[in-house]
N, C-alpha and C. Protein backbone atom coordinates (compact mmCIF):
# COMPACT_ATOMS: atom_id res chain seq x y z
N GLN A 1 4.65 -8.39 -5.24
CA GLN A 1 5.61 -8.22 -4.81
C GLN A 1 4.61 -7.03 -3.09
N TYR A 2 3.73 -6.58 -3.22
CA TYR A 2 3.35 -5.51 -2.98
C TYR A 2 3.11 -5.59 -0.95
N ARG A 3 3.18 -6.93 -0.71
CA ARG A 3 2.83 -7.44 0.97
C ARG A 3 4.35 -7.13 1.11
N SER A 4 5.35 -6.76 0.48
CA SER A 4 6.77 -6.83 1.56
C SER A 4 6.88 -5.61 2.40
N ILE A 5 7.56 -5.53 3.37
CA ILE A 5 7.31 -4.24 4.20
C ILE A 5 8.60 -3.30 3.55
N ASP A 6 9.67 -4.16 3.20
CA ASP A 6 11.29 -3.91 2.50
C ASP A 6 10.49 -3.56 1.23
N LEU A 7 9.21 -3.09 0.14
CA LEU A 7 8.98 -2.40 -1.29
C LEU A 7 9.26 -1.27 -1.40
N SER A 8 9.90 -0.84 -1.80
CA SER A 8 10.34 0.74 -2.33
C SER A 8 10.75 0.78 -3.73
N ILE A 9 11.12 2.24 -4.04
CA ILE A 9 11.19 3.12 -5.47
C ILE A 9 12.96 1.68 -5.07
N VAL A 10 14.17 1.91 -4.18
CA VAL A 10 15.05 2.00 -4.45
C VAL A 10 15.48 -0.18 -4.92
N SER A 11 13.64 -0.70 -3.96
CA SER A 11 14.12 -2.09 -4.28
C SER A 11 13.78 -2.75 -5.42
N ILE A 12 13.27 -1.75 -6.00
CA ILE A 12 12.50 -2.04 -7.38
C ILE A 12 13.81 -1.81 -8.41
N ALA A 13 14.33 -0.72 -8.47
CA ALA A 13 14.77 -0.44 -9.02
C ALA A 13 16.66 -1.18 -9.06
N ASP A 14 16.74 -1.51 -7.51
CA ASP A 14 18.06 -2.65 -7.74
C ASP A 14 17.28 -4.28 -8.73
N GLN A 15 15.80 -4.89 -8.48
CA GLN A 15 16.09 -5.49 -8.80
C GLN A 15 16.11 -5.77 -10.52
N MET A 16 15.77 -4.61 -11.28
CA MET A 16 15.91 -3.88 -12.95
C MET A 16 16.76 -3.66 -12.81
N GLY A 17 17.65 -3.34 -12.18
CA GLY A 17 18.75 -2.73 -12.83
C GLY A 17 18.72 -1.68 -13.13
N LEU A 18 18.25 -0.27 -12.78
CA LEU A 18 17.97 0.41 -13.05
C LEU A 18 18.32 1.75 -12.28
N HIS A 19 18.28 3.08 -12.18
CA HIS A 19 17.92 4.22 -10.77
C HIS A 19 17.06 4.32 -10.79
N PRO A 20 16.80 4.53 -9.48
CA PRO A 20 15.32 4.77 -8.75
C PRO A 20 14.86 5.53 -9.38
N ALA A 21 15.29 6.84 -9.61
CA ALA A 21 14.72 7.98 -11.04
C ALA A 21 14.28 7.54 -11.95
N SER A 22 14.99 6.54 -13.31
CA SER A 22 14.71 5.78 -13.93
C SER A 22 13.27 5.17 -13.90
N VAL A 23 13.05 4.23 -12.48
CA VAL A 23 11.94 3.54 -12.49
C VAL A 23 10.95 4.58 -12.34
N SER A 24 10.87 5.44 -11.26
CA SER A 24 9.83 6.22 -10.97
C SER A 24 9.12 7.20 -12.62
N ARG A 25 9.99 7.71 -13.27
CA ARG A 25 10.06 8.47 -14.56
C ARG A 25 9.25 7.52 -15.66
N ILE A 26 9.89 6.09 -15.66
CA ILE A 26 9.30 4.87 -17.11
C ILE A 26 8.05 4.52 -16.41
N PHE A 27 7.57 4.21 -14.81
CA PHE A 27 6.53 3.84 -14.69
C PHE A 27 5.16 4.86 -14.63
N LYS A 28 5.91 5.96 -13.95
CA LYS A 28 4.46 7.19 -14.79
C LYS A 28 4.34 7.49 -16.18
N GLU A 29 5.66 7.37 -16.86
CA GLU A 29 4.85 7.85 -18.53
C GLU A 29 3.75 7.04 -18.61
N GLY A 30 4.32 5.78 -17.98
CA GLY A 30 3.55 3.83 -18.31
C GLY A 30 1.87 4.28 -17.86
N THR A 31 2.42 4.69 -16.72
CA THR A 31 0.77 4.99 -16.51
C THR A 31 0.19 6.23 -15.89
N GLY A 32 0.92 7.11 -15.72
CA GLY A 32 0.15 8.28 -14.81
C GLY A 32 0.19 8.59 -13.85
N SER A 33 0.76 6.95 -13.34
CA SER A 33 0.21 7.26 -11.46
C SER A 33 1.36 7.25 -11.14
N PRO A 34 2.16 8.41 -9.85
CA PRO A 34 3.31 8.19 -9.31
C PRO A 34 3.61 6.02 -8.73
N LEU A 35 4.82 5.82 -8.76
CA LEU A 35 5.49 4.41 -7.99
C LEU A 35 4.21 4.01 -6.96
N LEU A 36 4.99 5.21 -6.14
CA LEU A 36 4.20 4.59 -4.54
C LEU A 36 2.99 4.81 -4.56
N GLU A 37 2.17 6.12 -5.31
CA GLU A 37 0.97 6.22 -4.86
C GLU A 37 0.08 4.71 -5.64
N TYR A 38 0.88 4.13 -6.64
CA TYR A 38 -0.28 2.88 -6.90
C TYR A 38 0.21 2.41 -5.99
N ILE A 39 1.67 2.27 -5.65
CA ILE A 39 1.49 0.18 -4.33
C ILE A 39 0.40 0.83 -3.17
N ALA A 40 0.35 1.94 -3.11
CA ALA A 40 -0.73 1.95 -1.97
C ALA A 40 -1.68 1.43 -2.11
N LYS A 41 -2.21 2.26 -3.24
CA LYS A 41 -3.55 2.13 -3.13
C LYS A 41 -4.05 0.65 -4.19
N VAL A 42 -3.28 -0.30 -4.15
CA VAL A 42 -3.09 -2.04 -4.67
C VAL A 42 -2.71 -2.14 -2.85
N ARG A 43 -2.41 -1.35 -1.48
CA ARG A 43 -1.97 -1.99 -0.81
C ARG A 43 -3.47 -1.85 -0.16
N ILE A 44 -3.95 -0.89 -0.38
CA ILE A 44 -5.27 -0.59 0.57
C ILE A 44 -6.38 -2.00 -0.39
N ALA A 45 -5.99 -1.12 -1.26
CA ALA A 45 -7.46 -2.82 -2.39
C ALA A 45 -7.28 -3.91 -1.71
N GLU A 46 -6.52 -4.26 -1.37
CA GLU A 46 -6.55 -5.45 -0.40
C GLU A 46 -6.51 -5.43 0.61
N ALA A 47 -6.14 -4.68 1.31
CA ALA A 47 -6.26 -4.55 2.31
C ALA A 47 -8.22 -4.19 3.53
N LYS A 48 -8.53 -3.83 2.40
CA LYS A 48 -9.92 -3.55 2.55
C LYS A 48 -11.03 -4.96 2.39
N LYS A 49 -10.22 -5.75 1.42
CA LYS A 49 -10.69 -7.51 1.40
C LYS A 49 -10.09 -8.10 2.45
N ILE A 50 -9.28 -7.71 3.47
CA ILE A 50 -8.66 -8.07 4.31
C ILE A 50 -9.56 -8.44 5.34
N MET A 51 -10.47 -7.36 5.89
CA MET A 51 -10.93 -6.50 6.86
C MET A 51 -12.38 -7.22 6.73
N GLN A 52 -12.88 -8.01 5.99
CA GLN A 52 -13.97 -8.38 5.25
C GLN A 52 -13.57 -9.17 6.37
N GLU A 53 -13.27 -10.49 6.54
CA GLU A 53 -12.70 -11.42 7.22
C GLU A 53 -12.69 -11.01 8.62
N PRO A 54 -13.39 -12.79 10.02
CA PRO A 54 -13.86 -11.89 10.89
C PRO A 54 -12.39 -12.33 11.75
N GLY A 55 -12.69 -11.53 12.82
CA GLY A 55 -11.19 -12.02 13.54
C GLY A 55 -9.77 -10.14 13.53
N MET A 56 -10.50 -9.79 12.47
CA MET A 56 -8.54 -9.14 11.54
C MET A 56 -8.84 -7.83 12.76
N THR A 57 -7.63 -7.58 12.92
CA THR A 57 -7.46 -6.06 13.74
C THR A 57 -6.64 -5.47 12.76
N MET A 58 -6.70 -4.44 13.36
CA MET A 58 -5.27 -3.47 12.16
C MET A 58 -3.98 -3.93 12.23
N ASP A 59 -3.35 -4.23 13.57
CA ASP A 59 -1.97 -4.86 13.00
C ASP A 59 -1.64 -5.73 12.00
N ILE A 60 -3.36 -7.28 12.16
CA ILE A 60 -3.24 -7.71 10.72
C ILE A 60 -2.57 -7.27 9.61
N VAL A 61 -3.94 -6.90 9.94
CA VAL A 61 -4.24 -5.90 8.01
C VAL A 61 -3.36 -5.62 7.85
N ALA A 62 -2.47 -4.35 8.28
CA ALA A 62 -1.28 -3.81 8.10
C ALA A 62 -0.03 -4.69 8.02
N LEU A 63 0.18 -5.62 7.78
CA LEU A 63 1.61 -6.44 7.68
C LEU A 63 1.47 -7.09 7.24
N ALA A 64 -0.13 -7.69 6.95
CA ALA A 64 -0.63 -8.68 5.73
C ALA A 64 -0.22 -7.71 4.43
N VAL A 65 -0.76 -6.16 4.33
CA VAL A 65 -0.16 -5.76 3.28
C VAL A 65 0.38 -5.09 3.45
N GLY A 66 2.12 -5.29 3.45
CA GLY A 66 3.23 -4.75 3.45
C GLY A 66 3.56 -3.25 4.45
N TYR A 67 2.77 -3.36 4.79
CA TYR A 67 2.83 -1.59 6.42
C TYR A 67 3.78 -1.68 7.73
N SER A 68 4.48 -1.65 7.66
CA SER A 68 5.48 -2.30 9.05
C SER A 68 4.66 -2.25 10.47
N ASN A 69 3.97 -0.52 10.68
CA ASN A 69 3.17 0.07 11.11
C ASN A 69 2.16 0.14 10.74
N VAL A 70 1.09 0.12 12.01
CA VAL A 70 -0.39 0.25 11.99
C VAL A 70 -0.68 2.23 11.91
N ARG A 71 0.10 2.72 12.45
CA ARG A 71 0.26 4.14 11.89
C ARG A 71 0.57 4.96 10.64
N THR A 72 1.37 4.27 10.02
CA THR A 72 1.13 4.15 8.41
C THR A 72 0.12 3.84 7.23
N PHE A 73 -0.44 3.20 7.66
CA PHE A 73 -1.34 2.21 7.62
C PHE A 73 -2.56 3.25 7.37
N ARG A 74 -3.02 3.53 8.67
CA ARG A 74 -4.19 4.02 8.75
C ARG A 74 -4.46 5.47 8.25
N ARG A 75 -2.76 5.74 8.53
CA ARG A 75 -2.45 7.66 7.57
C ARG A 75 -2.54 7.04 5.98
N ILE A 76 -2.01 6.61 5.38
CA ILE A 76 -2.96 6.37 4.13
C ILE A 76 -4.09 5.59 3.93
N PHE A 77 -4.55 4.74 4.26
CA PHE A 77 -6.05 3.92 4.66
C PHE A 77 -7.19 5.63 3.95
N THR A 78 -6.70 6.65 5.24
CA THR A 78 -7.89 7.82 5.58
C THR A 78 -7.12 8.42 4.29
N LYS A 79 -6.06 8.80 4.18
CA LYS A 79 -6.30 10.06 2.80
C LYS A 79 -6.41 9.17 1.69
N LEU A 80 -6.08 7.75 1.74
CA LEU A 80 -7.42 7.46 -0.11
C LEU A 80 -8.85 7.39 0.13
N GLU A 81 -9.12 6.82 0.98
CA GLU A 81 -10.75 6.36 0.87
C GLU A 81 -11.26 7.13 2.46
N GLY A 82 -10.96 8.39 2.66
CA GLY A 82 -12.15 9.45 3.03
C GLY A 82 -11.97 8.85 4.56
N VAL A 83 -11.88 7.77 5.15
CA VAL A 83 -12.42 7.57 6.28
C VAL A 83 -11.65 6.87 7.22
N THR A 84 -11.32 6.20 8.28
CA THR A 84 -10.55 5.61 9.29
C THR A 84 -10.46 4.33 8.80
N PRO A 85 -9.27 3.46 8.94
CA PRO A 85 -10.15 1.86 9.10
C PRO A 85 -10.98 1.34 9.68
N GLY A 86 -11.26 2.19 11.13
CA GLY A 86 -12.11 1.66 12.09
C GLY A 86 -13.23 2.02 11.37
N LYS A 87 -13.38 3.01 10.81
CA LYS A 87 -15.39 3.01 11.10
C LYS A 87 -15.56 2.85 9.82
N TYR A 88 -14.22 1.87 8.61
CA TYR A 88 -14.85 1.87 7.91
C TYR A 88 -14.97 0.06 8.20
N MET A 89 -14.35 -0.41 8.88
CA MET A 89 -14.88 -1.89 9.55
C MET A 89 -15.60 -1.40 10.36
N ASP A 90 -16.19 -1.15 10.41
CA ASP A 90 -17.54 -0.54 11.47
C ASP A 90 -19.03 -1.11 10.43
N LEU A 91 -19.14 -0.49 9.20
CA LEU A 91 -19.61 0.04 8.47
C LEU A 91 -19.91 -1.49 7.67
N LEU A 92 -18.86 -1.98 7.40
CA LEU A 92 -19.14 -3.93 6.85
C LEU A 92 -20.11 -4.51 7.66
């Protein structure tokens, strides 16, 4: 469900019938990675695949991977990849 704009620790916890703090703790203990960081990595990996398709815009890519706005997508992409999404697309 990483593509859902409404995806959050709270929504995951609600689906599991657990407290959000418990979900975060259990996930980090099991994987060694914070849940939101993991979700961001999955979304950005998928975004990089989508960006290879012709005619993709930042708006389309951001929405396709669960970000409601390009600004957030751009910030997280740059943080994880060390380059802006636009520069990344230029390199393709």
